[in-house]
């Protein structure tokens, strides 16, 4: 198949949902090797990656590239108000419930403290600040998972403040008309890329943590792919070439320069130029639920079954997490997203 990326504008027959679910599960799979108290097991695909990357990092980078592409489309086509409401409804309702679930369900079951000691500890209620994403993430709850290899309740939350900051950054630059002209957009993207390479710590919003640099880069590449979708060809030969180049970049000094572009190209090729799988109809978009519930559930599994090997943690956790994610999407996330039309309609009536 040889077609321009732009030709898919407005089409719902794409594999974004499937890709996001796969990437979210990759994070779960990778974390099982860090969470489960077992020695002698190397991280997945470590021989192939040759120390260049970890599977969870690869997945997170893919998430940010997809996000950059889709939210750029959103703000250009629908405007800042629609964009802002969509982002808030997509991120925060499920996050709030996950944080509450961690404090009041997981915490009360797995804490080594008495319930009185647990709830009287200042760190219990302060954990609720994690639902805002504008405070430093609090990783631990009193007495919870203290005997695990990893003691964080939800180590996956670190990416969410970075993602929200990327959303804000994109919204701000769009107000200055950056996306009204393609040449201007590309000049800004390349200027931002160069500036970020040398002076990342001086960038507004996204530079609070050094670990946010790579996700922000992939988000920016996603923005670039959307802006230039009328020039990007999805072709099987290019996809194969990208795969080969990516493979040979592992363990090499030039990995960081080649890998981002090849990975993102492959993602969009798989999303648009392969057979459509209607995952939305069969499962729904359960990727976010998988991502935010995986780590705490894996911690619970590691506590209950300390003799498990990583793959056993992966299997048991996946069953529980997919159930929670399915429930979260159909009974919380999807209904909350449906509120957007009502909120926008209310606004227009007020006008």
Protein backbone atom coordinates (compact mmCIF):
# COMPACT_ATOMS: atom_id res chain seq x y z
CA UNK A 1 0.00 0.00 0.00
CA UNK A 2 1.40 3.38 -1.04
CA UNK A 3 -0.66 6.39 0.02
CA UNK A 4 -0.30 9.81 1.60
CA UNK A 5 -0.94 10.09 5.32
CA UNK A 6 -3.31 13.00 4.61
CA UNK A 7 -5.65 10.75 2.64
CA UNK A 8 -6.87 9.29 5.93
CA UNK A 9 -8.13 12.63 7.26
CA UNK A 10 -11.55 12.18 8.82
CA UNK A 11 -11.50 8.38 8.50
CA UNK A 12 -12.39 6.37 11.57
CA UNK A 13 -11.08 3.16 10.04
CA UNK A 14 -7.67 3.20 11.65
CA UNK A 15 -5.87 1.09 14.24
CA UNK A 16 -5.07 3.79 16.78
CA UNK A 17 -7.08 2.05 19.51
CA UNK A 18 -5.43 -1.29 18.82
CA UNK A 19 -1.98 0.29 18.77
CA UNK A 20 -2.55 2.14 22.05
CA UNK A 21 -3.77 -1.04 23.75
CA UNK A 22 -0.67 -2.90 22.57
CA UNK A 23 1.62 -0.12 23.77
CA UNK A 24 -0.14 0.04 27.15
CA UNK A 25 0.27 -3.71 27.54
CA UNK A 26 3.96 -3.43 26.63
CA UNK A 27 4.36 -1.14 29.65
CA UNK A 28 2.64 -3.71 31.86
CA UNK A 29 4.79 -6.52 30.44
CA UNK A 30 8.00 -4.56 30.94
CA UNK A 31 7.13 -3.53 34.47
CA UNK A 32 6.57 -7.13 35.55
CA UNK A 33 10.35 -7.69 35.33
CA UNK A 34 11.00 -4.74 37.62
CA UNK A 35 8.15 -5.35 40.07
CA UNK A 36 8.20 -9.10 40.66
CA UNK A 37 10.68 -10.21 43.33
CA UNK A 38 12.59 -12.63 41.12
CA UNK A 39 16.24 -12.67 40.10
CA UNK A 40 17.83 -14.01 36.95
CA UNK A 41 15.30 -12.61 34.49
CA UNK A 42 16.41 -9.95 32.02
CA UNK A 43 14.11 -7.24 30.73
CA UNK A 44 12.11 -8.23 27.62
CA UNK A 45 14.03 -8.03 24.31
CA UNK A 46 17.17 -6.83 26.09
CA UNK A 47 19.39 -8.74 23.67
CA UNK A 48 17.69 -7.12 20.67
CA UNK A 49 17.65 -3.61 22.14
CA UNK A 50 21.29 -3.94 23.28
CA UNK A 51 20.80 -1.47 26.12
CA UNK A 52 19.51 1.30 23.88
CA UNK A 53 15.96 1.27 25.21
CA UNK A 54 13.54 -0.58 27.48
CA UNK A 55 10.25 -1.89 26.12
CA UNK A 56 8.22 0.33 28.47
CA UNK A 57 10.09 3.42 27.30
CA UNK A 58 9.51 2.43 23.69
CA UNK A 59 5.79 2.13 24.41
CA UNK A 60 5.60 5.48 26.22
CA UNK A 61 7.42 7.17 23.33
CA UNK A 62 4.89 5.67 20.94
CA UNK A 63 2.04 6.94 23.10
CA UNK A 64 3.40 10.48 22.98
CA UNK A 65 3.90 10.42 19.21
CA UNK A 66 0.31 9.28 18.67
CA UNK A 67 -0.90 11.88 21.15
CA UNK A 68 1.03 14.67 19.43
CA UNK A 69 -0.49 13.71 16.07
CA UNK A 70 -4.09 13.39 17.27
CA UNK A 71 -4.27 16.44 19.52
CA UNK A 72 -2.72 18.62 16.82
CA UNK A 73 -5.53 17.49 14.54
CA UNK A 74 -7.99 18.26 17.31
CA UNK A 75 -6.87 21.81 18.00
CA UNK A 76 -6.51 22.72 14.31
CA UNK A 77 -9.87 21.32 13.26
CA UNK A 78 -12.01 22.08 16.30
CA UNK A 79 -10.42 25.01 18.08
CA UNK A 80 -9.04 25.64 21.55
CA UNK A 81 -12.26 25.32 23.56
CA UNK A 82 -13.26 21.94 22.13
CA UNK A 83 -9.64 20.81 22.45
CA UNK A 84 -9.37 21.83 26.11
CA UNK A 85 -12.65 20.21 27.15
CA UNK A 86 -11.70 17.01 25.31
CA UNK A 87 -8.30 16.80 27.02
CA UNK A 88 -9.72 17.42 30.48
CA UNK A 89 -12.48 14.83 30.07
CA UNK A 90 -10.05 12.30 28.64
CA UNK A 91 -7.37 12.54 31.32
CA UNK A 92 -8.84 13.50 34.66
CA UNK A 93 -12.02 11.48 35.41
CA UNK A 94 -10.28 8.11 35.08
CA UNK A 95 -7.19 9.40 36.86
CA UNK A 96 -9.25 10.67 39.79
CA UNK A 97 -10.99 7.31 40.18
CA UNK A 98 -7.67 5.46 39.92
CA UNK A 99 -6.11 7.61 42.64
CA UNK A 100 -9.15 7.13 44.89
CA UNK A 101 -9.02 3.39 44.20
CA UNK A 102 -5.34 3.35 45.17
CA UNK A 103 -5.89 5.21 48.45
CA UNK A 104 -9.15 3.73 49.67
CA UNK A 105 -9.10 0.19 48.24
CA UNK A 106 -5.54 -0.90 47.57
CA UNK A 107 -4.12 1.15 50.43
CA UNK A 108 -6.53 -0.12 53.07
CA UNK A 109 -6.06 -3.75 51.99
CA UNK A 110 -2.27 -3.81 51.64
CA UNK A 111 -1.01 -1.38 54.26
CA UNK A 112 1.03 -2.89 57.09
CA UNK A 113 -0.39 -0.22 59.40
CA UNK A 114 -3.70 -0.27 61.24
CA UNK A 115 -6.44 1.63 59.42
CA UNK A 116 -6.30 4.30 62.13
CA UNK A 117 -2.55 4.74 61.62
CA UNK A 118 -2.95 4.64 57.84
CA UNK A 119 -5.59 7.37 57.63
CA UNK A 120 -3.97 9.53 60.29
CA UNK A 121 -0.72 9.61 58.34
CA UNK A 122 -0.43 12.89 56.41
CA UNK A 123 0.92 11.03 53.37
CA UNK A 124 -2.32 9.13 52.91
CA UNK A 125 -4.52 12.07 52.05
CA UNK A 126 -1.68 13.99 50.40
CA UNK A 127 -1.52 11.17 47.84
CA UNK A 128 -4.83 12.53 46.55
CA UNK A 129 -2.91 15.47 45.10
CA UNK A 130 -1.78 13.08 42.36
CA UNK A 131 -5.17 13.47 40.74
CA UNK A 132 -4.38 17.11 39.85
CA UNK A 133 -1.06 16.42 38.02
CA UNK A 134 0.25 19.86 39.02
CA UNK A 135 2.00 18.79 42.21
CA UNK A 136 5.06 16.60 42.45
CA UNK A 137 3.88 13.01 42.11
CA UNK A 138 3.74 11.22 45.47
CA UNK A 139 4.85 7.66 44.87
CA UNK A 140 4.15 5.91 48.16
CA UNK A 141 1.33 5.28 50.59
CA UNK A 142 2.05 4.59 54.29
CA UNK A 143 2.84 0.94 54.89
CA UNK A 144 1.84 -0.12 51.37
CA UNK A 145 4.11 -2.41 49.29
CA UNK A 146 6.97 -1.75 51.69
CA UNK A 147 8.38 -5.26 51.23
CA UNK A 148 8.20 -5.24 47.43
CA UNK A 149 11.19 -4.64 45.18
CA UNK A 150 9.45 -1.49 44.02
CA UNK A 151 7.64 0.44 46.75
CA UNK A 152 5.79 2.95 44.56
CA UNK A 153 2.04 2.55 44.36
CA UNK A 154 1.82 3.67 40.75
CA UNK A 155 5.10 4.27 38.98
CA UNK A 156 3.37 4.87 35.64
CA UNK A 157 1.94 8.23 36.71
CA UNK A 158 5.19 10.05 35.90
CA UNK A 159 4.23 10.45 32.23
CA UNK A 160 0.84 12.10 32.82
CA UNK A 161 2.11 15.51 34.03
CA UNK A 162 4.43 15.56 31.03
CA UNK A 163 1.55 14.80 28.69
CA UNK A 164 -0.67 17.49 30.18
CA UNK A 165 2.19 20.01 29.91
CA UNK A 166 2.59 19.08 26.24
CA UNK A 167 -1.14 19.69 25.75
CA UNK A 168 -0.85 23.11 27.37
CA UNK A 169 2.24 24.00 25.36
CA UNK A 170 0.46 23.06 22.13
CA UNK A 171 -2.62 25.09 23.07
CA UNK A 172 -0.52 28.17 23.84
CA UNK A 173 1.48 28.12 20.61
CA UNK A 174 -1.71 27.56 18.60
CA UNK A 175 -3.10 30.82 20.02
CA UNK A 176 -0.20 32.61 18.30
CA UNK A 177 -1.25 31.26 14.92
CA UNK A 178 1.67 28.87 14.50
CA UNK A 179 -0.49 26.27 12.76
CA UNK A 180 -2.15 28.65 10.33
CA UNK A 181 0.69 28.32 7.84
CA UNK A 182 2.64 25.13 7.14
CA UNK A 183 6.03 26.78 6.59
CA UNK A 184 5.71 28.68 9.86
CA UNK A 185 4.70 25.48 11.63
CA UNK A 186 7.75 23.62 10.37
CA UNK A 187 10.11 26.46 11.21
CA UNK A 188 8.71 26.55 14.72
CA UNK A 189 8.94 22.75 15.10
CA UNK A 190 12.56 22.62 13.95
CA UNK A 191 13.46 25.66 16.00
CA UNK A 192 11.88 24.08 19.06
CA UNK A 193 13.67 20.81 18.35
CA UNK A 194 17.08 22.48 18.13
CA UNK A 195 16.47 24.69 21.15
CA UNK A 196 15.24 21.72 23.17
CA UNK A 197 18.30 19.67 22.23
CA UNK A 198 20.71 22.24 23.62
CA UNK A 199 18.58 24.05 26.22
CA UNK A 200 15.81 21.67 27.28
CA UNK A 201 15.90 22.96 30.86
CA UNK A 202 14.93 26.43 29.60
CA UNK A 203 11.77 25.33 27.82
CA UNK A 204 8.52 26.40 29.50
CA UNK A 205 6.12 23.83 30.98
CA UNK A 206 7.78 20.62 29.77
CA UNK A 207 11.24 21.01 31.29
CA UNK A 208 10.48 20.48 34.98
CA UNK A 209 12.03 17.01 34.83
CA UNK A 210 14.84 15.76 32.60
CA UNK A 211 12.92 12.50 32.11
CA UNK A 212 10.26 14.44 30.22
CA UNK A 213 12.64 15.29 27.38
CA UNK A 214 12.19 12.09 25.35
CA UNK A 215 8.38 11.93 25.64
CA UNK A 216 8.23 15.62 24.65
CA UNK A 217 10.45 14.89 21.64
CA UNK A 218 8.14 12.13 20.45
CA UNK A 219 5.12 14.36 21.02
CA UNK A 220 6.78 16.98 18.80
CA UNK A 221 7.48 14.37 16.12
CA UNK A 222 3.80 13.46 16.21
CA UNK A 223 2.96 17.14 15.69
CA UNK A 224 5.39 17.23 12.75
CA UNK A 225 3.78 14.16 11.16
CA UNK A 226 0.35 15.79 11.33
CA UNK A 227 1.51 19.15 9.94
CA UNK A 228 3.28 17.39 7.05
CA UNK A 229 0.82 14.58 6.44
CA UNK A 230 0.34 15.76 2.84
CA UNK A 231 4.00 14.89 2.15
CA UNK A 232 4.42 11.69 4.16
CA UNK A 233 3.95 8.53 2.11
CA UNK A 234 2.89 5.32 3.80
CA UNK A 235 4.64 2.62 1.83
CA UNK A 236 5.52 -0.97 2.68
CA UNK A 237 9.05 -0.56 1.29
CA UNK A 238 9.66 2.46 3.50
CA UNK A 239 8.21 0.59 6.47
CA UNK A 240 10.59 -2.32 5.88
CA UNK A 241 13.50 0.10 5.49
CA UNK A 242 12.51 1.84 8.73
CA UNK A 243 12.40 -1.53 10.50
CA UNK A 244 15.86 -2.47 9.26
CA UNK A 245 17.36 0.89 10.17
CA UNK A 246 15.78 0.77 13.60
CA UNK A 247 17.10 -2.73 14.23
CA UNK A 248 20.65 -1.81 13.26
CA UNK A 249 20.53 1.36 15.35
CA UNK A 250 20.24 -0.60 18.60
CA UNK A 251 23.47 -0.34 20.54
CA UNK A 252 24.87 2.33 18.22
CA UNK A 253 25.80 5.93 19.00
CA UNK A 254 23.39 7.21 16.36
CA UNK A 255 20.42 5.37 17.93
CA UNK A 256 18.94 8.55 19.46
CA UNK A 257 18.96 10.31 16.09
CA UNK A 258 17.47 7.54 13.96
CA UNK A 259 15.19 5.61 16.27
CA UNK A 260 12.56 8.32 16.96
CA UNK A 261 11.71 8.92 13.30
CA UNK A 262 11.74 5.24 12.32
CA UNK A 263 9.58 4.20 15.26
CA UNK A 264 7.00 6.90 14.61
CA UNK A 265 6.88 6.10 10.89
CA UNK A 266 6.29 2.42 11.66
CA UNK A 267 3.54 3.27 14.12
CA UNK A 268 1.63 5.35 11.58
CA UNK A 269 2.16 2.77 8.88
CA UNK A 270 0.70 0.07 11.12
CA UNK A 271 -2.15 2.33 12.21
CA UNK A 272 -3.26 3.40 8.75
CA UNK A 273 -1.83 1.07 6.12
CA UNK A 274 -2.60 -2.35 7.59
CA UNK A 275 -5.89 -4.21 7.87
CA UNK A 276 -8.43 -2.34 9.98
CA UNK A 277 -9.37 -4.01 13.26
CA UNK A 278 -12.51 -2.56 14.83
CA UNK A 279 -11.25 -2.75 18.40
CA UNK A 280 -13.48 0.14 19.45
CA UNK A 281 -16.55 -1.97 18.75
CA UNK A 282 -15.17 -5.14 20.33
CA UNK A 283 -13.46 -3.75 23.42
CA UNK A 284 -13.55 0.03 23.43
CA UNK A 285 -10.56 2.27 23.99
CA UNK A 286 -9.29 0.56 27.12
CA UNK A 287 -5.67 1.66 26.65
CA UNK A 288 -5.70 4.47 29.22
CA UNK A 289 -7.26 2.21 31.82
CA UNK A 290 -4.62 -0.45 31.17
CA UNK A 291 -1.90 2.12 31.58
CA UNK A 292 -3.03 3.71 34.84
CA UNK A 293 -4.17 0.51 36.61
CA UNK A 294 -1.36 -1.84 35.55
CA UNK A 295 1.34 -0.79 38.00
CA UNK A 296 -0.73 -0.86 41.22
CA UNK A 297 -2.33 -4.17 40.25
CA UNK A 298 1.07 -5.66 39.46
CA UNK A 299 2.25 -4.52 42.87
CA UNK A 300 -0.71 -6.28 44.47
CA UNK A 301 0.07 -9.47 42.53
CA UNK A 302 3.75 -9.29 43.54
CA UNK A 303 2.71 -8.94 47.20
CA UNK A 304 0.24 -11.82 47.13
CA UNK A 305 2.44 -14.12 45.03
CA UNK A 306 6.08 -13.31 45.86
CA UNK A 307 7.32 -16.52 44.22
CA UNK A 308 5.86 -15.66 40.82
CA UNK A 309 8.23 -15.17 37.91
CA UNK A 310 7.67 -12.03 35.78
CA UNK A 311 5.62 -13.75 33.08
CA UNK A 312 3.23 -15.11 35.73
CA UNK A 313 2.83 -11.58 37.10
CA UNK A 314 2.15 -10.42 33.55
CA UNK A 315 -0.57 -13.01 32.94
CA UNK A 316 -2.45 -12.61 36.22
CA UNK A 317 -2.14 -8.83 36.21
CA UNK A 318 -3.29 -8.60 32.59
CA UNK A 319 -6.54 -10.43 33.36
CA UNK A 320 -7.37 -8.12 36.27
CA UNK A 321 -6.20 -4.95 34.54
CA UNK A 322 -8.11 -5.63 31.32
CA UNK A 323 -11.27 -6.10 33.37
CA UNK A 324 -10.72 -2.83 35.25
CA UNK A 325 -9.84 -0.99 32.04
CA UNK A 326 -12.95 -2.33 30.29
CA UNK A 327 -15.11 -1.24 33.20
CA UNK A 328 -13.38 2.16 33.33
CA UNK A 329 -13.92 2.83 29.63
CA UNK A 330 -17.56 1.76 29.35
CA UNK A 331 -18.82 3.11 32.67
CA UNK A 332 -16.63 6.16 33.24
CA UNK A 333 -14.39 7.37 30.42
CA UNK A 334 -16.81 7.01 27.52
CA UNK A 335 -19.77 8.56 29.42
CA UNK A 336 -17.55 11.45 30.54
CA UNK A 337 -16.37 12.09 26.97
CA UNK A 338 -20.00 12.21 25.86
CA UNK A 339 -20.44 15.25 28.10
CA UNK A 340 -18.39 17.35 25.71
CA UNK A 341 -21.28 18.04 23.37
CA UNK A 342 -23.46 19.09 26.30
CA UNK A 343 -20.75 21.39 27.65
CA UNK A 344 -20.14 22.96 24.25
CA UNK A 345 -23.88 23.27 23.63
CA UNK A 346 -24.33 25.00 26.96
CA UNK A 347 -21.56 27.42 26.10
CA UNK A 348 -23.04 28.25 22.72
CA UNK A 349 -26.48 28.83 24.27
CA UNK A 350 -24.97 31.21 26.77
CA UNK A 351 -23.48 33.17 23.88
